[in-house]
Amino acid sequence: MSILDQIQKPADRPIVCTILGDAGMGKTSLAATFPKPVFIRAEDGLQAVPLEERPDALPVLTGVDDLWAQLTGLIQEQHDYKTVVVDSVTALERMFGQYVIESDPKKPKSLNQAQGGYGAGFQAVATLHQRVRKAAELLVQKGIHVVFIAHADLENVDLPDEDPYSRYSLRLHKKSMAPYVDDVDAVLHVRLKTYVMDKDGQKPKAVSDGSRIVVCHASAASVSKNRYRITEELTFELGSNPLAPFVPSLNQ
């Protein structure tokens, strides 16, 4: 049989996405709106979700071995969960960093010194993040959506053909970013809808009525993207998933 006989239109598959935002923006609440979720908790963010709406979760991780055990169980064992949420990759970054330091027989004092220095410690952390992303691919093959939660941070962007500016990004080392930005279907930035008001000649102030929006299209203000032709900001109301109208696999 010719290799060309295998050509076909790829079917819709579960989504792999990253949700980032500042504290209190509703990242965990948004992740909980995905189909039948179960949470892997590197931090305990589910207290923000009311008890009657709180999704199921595995025990809070105490170390890297717990993480691999929980991912392996969700991949290999039979269950009816449709979404696995990792909360958060920012907390995993700290856990991985401590693991790399403690695993180094030379007992370095920091990641800068780990694995012989010269950035090798940060590369070792990035390799662990890649392992998490590979586990996510196995979950997708099982028909399960994967959501990564990340805390937001500001980064400076200095392009060769533009003036320097700042944008929202994931609070991760740059070596750890690719699995959660390059290798996902969408990066969702959850933020308050903000207005700048100038009253009676006073210094302008940023104000908000508490409503939230999701930015998942290309934007200079944040690391955001999607593969679903979403070109506008989405309104995020607690309890509803703004991606549902755009992602076929969320409605299957």
Protein backbone atom coordinates (compact mmCIF):
# COMPACT_ATOMS: atom_id res chain seq x y z
CA MET A 1 0.00 0.00 0.00
CA SER A 2 1.29 3.46 -0.89
CA ILE A 3 1.94 5.92 1.91
CA LEU A 4 -0.32 8.32 -0.01
CA ASP A 5 -3.28 5.98 0.54
CA GLN A 6 -3.24 7.11 4.18
CA ILE A 7 -4.11 10.72 3.33
CA GLN A 8 -7.36 11.88 4.93
CA LYS A 9 -8.88 14.88 6.67
CA PRO A 10 -7.84 14.87 10.34
CA ALA A 11 -10.79 14.42 12.70
CA ASP A 12 -11.61 16.84 15.52
CA ARG A 13 -9.74 15.95 18.70
CA PRO A 14 -9.77 17.11 22.34
CA ILE A 15 -8.32 20.55 23.01
CA VAL A 16 -5.03 21.22 24.79
CA CYS A 17 -4.93 24.79 26.10
CA THR A 18 -3.29 27.08 28.62
CA ILE A 19 -5.17 29.56 30.79
CA LEU A 20 -3.15 32.42 32.27
CA GLY A 21 -4.06 35.39 34.36
CA ASP A 22 -3.42 37.32 37.55
CA ALA A 23 -4.59 36.04 40.92
CA GLY A 24 -8.36 36.11 41.37
CA MET A 25 -9.20 36.36 37.68
CA GLY A 26 -11.10 33.06 37.60
CA LYS A 27 -8.55 30.79 35.93
CA THR A 28 -9.56 27.80 38.03
CA SER A 29 -13.26 28.57 37.65
CA LEU A 30 -12.85 28.69 33.87
CA ALA A 31 -10.96 25.38 33.83
CA ALA A 32 -13.78 23.84 35.89
CA THR A 33 -16.26 24.58 33.05
CA PHE A 34 -14.56 22.08 30.73
CA PRO A 35 -16.32 18.71 30.34
CA LYS A 36 -16.17 16.53 33.49
CA PRO A 37 -12.80 17.74 34.80
CA VAL A 38 -10.42 16.27 37.34
CA PHE A 39 -7.65 18.44 38.78
CA ILE A 40 -3.98 17.64 39.32
CA ARG A 41 -3.03 20.12 42.03
CA ALA A 42 0.49 21.45 42.35
CA GLU A 43 -1.26 24.15 44.39
CA ASP A 44 -4.67 24.17 46.04
CA GLY A 45 -6.64 26.67 43.98
CA LEU A 46 -10.00 24.93 44.16
CA GLN A 47 -11.01 26.80 47.30
CA ALA A 48 -12.02 29.61 44.92
CA VAL A 49 -14.80 27.39 43.53
CA PRO A 50 -17.98 27.05 45.67
CA LEU A 51 -18.28 23.59 47.23
CA GLU A 52 -21.43 22.70 45.30
CA GLU A 53 -19.65 23.51 42.01
CA ARG A 54 -16.20 22.20 42.96
CA PRO A 55 -14.84 19.54 40.59
CA ASP A 56 -13.06 16.34 41.60
CA ALA A 57 -9.34 16.49 42.32
CA LEU A 58 -6.43 14.25 43.15
CA PRO A 59 -4.44 14.91 46.36
CA VAL A 60 -2.20 17.97 46.34
CA LEU A 61 1.23 17.03 45.00
CA THR A 62 3.99 16.63 47.55
CA GLY A 63 6.70 16.04 44.95
CA VAL A 64 7.58 15.09 41.41
CA ASP A 65 6.95 11.37 42.01
CA ASP A 66 3.32 12.16 42.90
CA LEU A 67 2.91 14.01 39.60
CA TRP A 68 4.14 11.11 37.47
CA ALA A 69 1.99 8.66 39.44
CA GLN A 70 -1.16 10.75 38.97
CA LEU A 71 -0.55 11.30 35.26
CA THR A 72 0.19 7.60 34.74
CA GLY A 73 -3.00 6.62 36.54
CA LEU A 74 -5.12 8.95 34.43
CA ILE A 75 -3.49 7.65 31.25
CA GLN A 76 -3.55 3.93 31.97
CA GLU A 77 -6.56 3.35 34.21
CA GLN A 78 -10.22 3.37 33.18
CA HIS A 79 -12.28 6.39 34.28
CA ASP A 80 -15.00 8.67 32.93
CA TYR A 81 -13.26 12.03 33.28
CA LYS A 82 -13.21 14.08 30.08
CA THR A 83 -10.74 16.82 31.08
CA VAL A 84 -7.49 16.82 33.07
CA VAL A 85 -6.53 20.20 34.54
CA VAL A 86 -2.98 20.87 35.76
CA ASP A 87 -3.11 23.63 38.39
CA SER A 88 -0.64 25.19 37.94
CA VAL A 89 2.41 24.92 35.70
CA THR A 90 3.82 27.90 37.60
CA ALA A 91 3.78 25.82 40.78
CA LEU A 92 5.27 22.91 38.82
CA GLU A 93 8.14 25.19 37.83
CA ARG A 94 9.01 25.70 41.49
CA MET A 95 8.63 21.99 42.22
CA PHE A 96 10.79 21.00 39.26
CA GLY A 97 13.45 23.54 40.21
CA GLN A 98 13.68 22.16 43.75
CA TYR A 99 13.82 18.62 42.38
CA VAL A 100 16.70 19.43 40.02
CA ILE A 101 18.65 21.11 42.83
CA GLU A 102 18.08 18.26 45.29
CA SER A 103 18.95 15.61 42.65
CA ASP A 104 22.33 17.17 41.91
CA PRO A 105 25.01 15.31 43.92
CA LYS A 106 27.05 18.50 44.15
CA LYS A 107 24.22 20.10 46.18
CA PRO A 108 24.08 23.47 44.41
CA LYS A 109 22.48 26.41 46.14
CA SER A 110 20.45 27.49 43.09
CA LEU A 111 19.42 26.47 39.59
CA ASN A 112 22.13 28.73 38.21
CA GLN A 113 24.68 26.34 39.70
CA ALA A 114 22.78 23.08 39.11
CA GLN A 115 23.90 20.50 36.55
CA GLY A 116 27.24 22.25 36.16
CA GLY A 117 25.81 25.71 35.53
CA TYR A 118 25.66 27.54 32.20
CA GLY A 119 21.86 27.22 32.10
CA ALA A 120 21.86 23.43 32.41
CA GLY A 121 19.67 23.53 35.51
CA PHE A 122 16.98 25.54 33.72
CA GLN A 123 17.19 23.15 30.75
CA ALA A 124 16.64 20.23 33.12
CA VAL A 125 13.49 21.92 34.42
CA ALA A 126 12.33 22.53 30.84
CA THR A 127 12.82 18.82 30.09
CA LEU A 128 10.46 17.94 32.95
CA HIS A 129 7.85 20.32 31.52
CA GLN A 130 8.25 18.57 28.16
CA ARG A 131 7.52 15.28 29.90
CA VAL A 132 4.26 16.74 31.23
CA ARG A 133 3.34 17.83 27.70
CA LYS A 134 4.05 14.33 26.35
CA ALA A 135 1.72 12.92 29.01
CA ALA A 136 -0.92 15.38 27.83
CA GLU A 137 -0.61 13.97 24.31
CA LEU A 138 -1.32 10.47 25.62
CA LEU A 139 -4.40 11.81 27.40
CA VAL A 140 -5.58 13.41 24.14
CA GLN A 141 -5.18 10.07 22.38
CA LYS A 142 -7.50 8.67 25.06
CA GLY A 143 -10.11 11.32 24.16
CA ILE A 144 -9.42 13.64 27.12
CA HIS A 145 -9.07 17.43 27.03
CA VAL A 146 -6.05 18.92 28.83
CA VAL A 147 -5.97 22.36 30.46
CA PHE A 148 -2.85 23.95 31.91
CA ILE A 149 -3.26 26.85 34.35
CA ALA A 150 -0.47 29.44 34.65
CA HIS A 151 0.01 32.62 36.63
CA ALA A 152 0.63 35.74 34.58
CA ASP A 153 3.69 37.95 34.67
CA LEU A 154 4.95 40.91 32.68
CA GLU A 155 7.83 40.49 30.27
CA ASN A 156 9.71 43.08 28.27
CA VAL A 157 9.72 42.64 24.50
CA ASP A 158 12.53 44.24 22.53
CA LEU A 159 11.96 43.65 18.82
CA PRO A 160 14.50 44.74 16.19
CA ASP A 161 11.90 46.76 14.23
CA GLU A 162 9.71 48.16 17.05
CA ASP A 163 10.10 50.21 20.22
CA PRO A 164 10.39 48.10 23.40
CA TYR A 165 7.13 47.32 25.18
CA SER A 166 5.70 45.04 27.90
CA ARG A 167 3.17 42.24 27.58
CA TYR A 168 1.53 39.61 29.76
CA SER A 169 3.20 36.22 29.65
CA LEU A 170 3.42 33.03 31.68
CA ARG A 171 5.36 33.19 34.93
CA LEU A 172 7.89 30.65 33.75
CA HIS A 173 11.52 30.65 32.71
CA LYS A 174 11.80 31.21 28.97
CA LYS A 175 13.16 27.67 28.49
CA SER A 176 9.97 26.25 30.04
CA MET A 177 7.49 28.17 27.90
CA ALA A 178 7.27 26.12 24.69
CA PRO A 179 5.15 23.19 25.97
CA TYR A 180 2.43 25.58 27.14
CA VAL A 181 2.56 28.19 24.37
CA ASP A 182 3.96 26.72 21.15
CA ASP A 183 2.56 23.21 21.61
CA VAL A 184 -1.06 23.97 22.60
CA ASP A 185 -4.22 24.77 20.65
CA ALA A 186 -5.01 27.96 22.55
CA VAL A 187 -3.52 30.30 25.14
CA LEU A 188 -6.27 32.14 26.99
CA HIS A 189 -5.51 35.31 28.92
CA VAL A 190 -8.23 36.01 31.50
CA ARG A 191 -8.36 39.61 32.67
CA LEU A 192 -10.70 42.29 33.95
CA LYS A 193 -12.41 44.54 31.45
CA THR A 194 -10.74 47.83 32.37
CA TYR A 195 -11.50 51.46 31.58
CA VAL A 196 -9.28 54.50 32.09
CA MET A 197 -11.17 57.47 33.51
CA ASP A 198 -10.07 61.07 33.92
CA LYS A 199 -12.26 62.94 36.40
CA ASP A 200 -12.04 66.67 37.07
CA GLY A 201 -8.54 66.94 35.68
CA GLN A 202 -7.13 64.43 38.16
CA LYS A 203 -4.67 61.73 37.27
CA PRO A 204 -6.39 59.05 35.12
CA LYS A 205 -7.33 55.87 36.98
CA ALA A 206 -7.99 52.37 35.74
CA VAL A 207 -11.40 51.14 36.89
CA SER A 208 -13.44 48.01 36.28
CA ASP A 209 -16.98 46.85 36.92
CA GLY A 210 -15.69 43.34 37.70
CA SER A 211 -16.58 41.82 34.34
CA ARG A 212 -13.98 39.51 32.83
CA ILE A 213 -12.88 38.88 29.27
CA VAL A 214 -10.79 36.18 27.64
CA VAL A 215 -8.16 37.14 25.07
CA CYS A 216 -7.13 34.18 22.93
CA HIS A 217 -6.30 35.84 19.62
CA ALA A 218 -2.99 37.36 18.58
CA SER A 219 -2.36 40.44 20.69
CA ALA A 220 0.63 42.65 21.39
CA ALA A 221 -0.52 42.99 25.00
CA SER A 222 -0.33 39.31 25.91
CA VAL A 223 0.94 35.89 24.92
CA SER A 224 -2.31 34.55 23.43
CA LYS A 225 -3.33 32.41 20.46
CA ASN A 226 -5.88 29.93 19.17
CA ARG A 227 -6.42 27.52 16.29
CA TYR A 228 -10.19 28.09 16.07
CA ARG A 229 -10.43 31.34 14.10
CA ILE A 230 -11.34 33.39 17.18
CA THR A 231 -10.43 37.00 16.40
CA GLU A 232 -12.25 38.96 19.13
CA GLU A 233 -12.23 39.13 22.90
CA LEU A 234 -14.67 36.70 24.53
CA THR A 235 -16.92 37.51 27.48
CA PHE A 236 -16.31 35.20 30.43
CA GLU A 237 -19.22 34.62 32.77
CA LEU A 238 -18.62 32.36 35.74
CA GLY A 239 -20.08 28.92 35.11
CA SER A 240 -19.91 29.07 31.31
CA ASN A 241 -17.14 28.17 28.88
CA PRO A 242 -16.58 30.91 26.25
CA LEU A 243 -14.73 28.45 23.98
CA ALA A 244 -17.69 26.08 23.64
CA PRO A 245 -19.18 27.75 20.52
CA PHE A 246 -15.82 27.56 18.72
CA VAL A 247 -14.32 24.19 19.66
CA PRO A 248 -16.25 21.23 18.16
CA SER A 249 -14.72 18.65 20.52
CA LEU A 250 -16.12 20.51 23.57
CA ASN A 251 -19.65 19.79 22.34
CA GLN A 252 -19.28 16.12 21.47
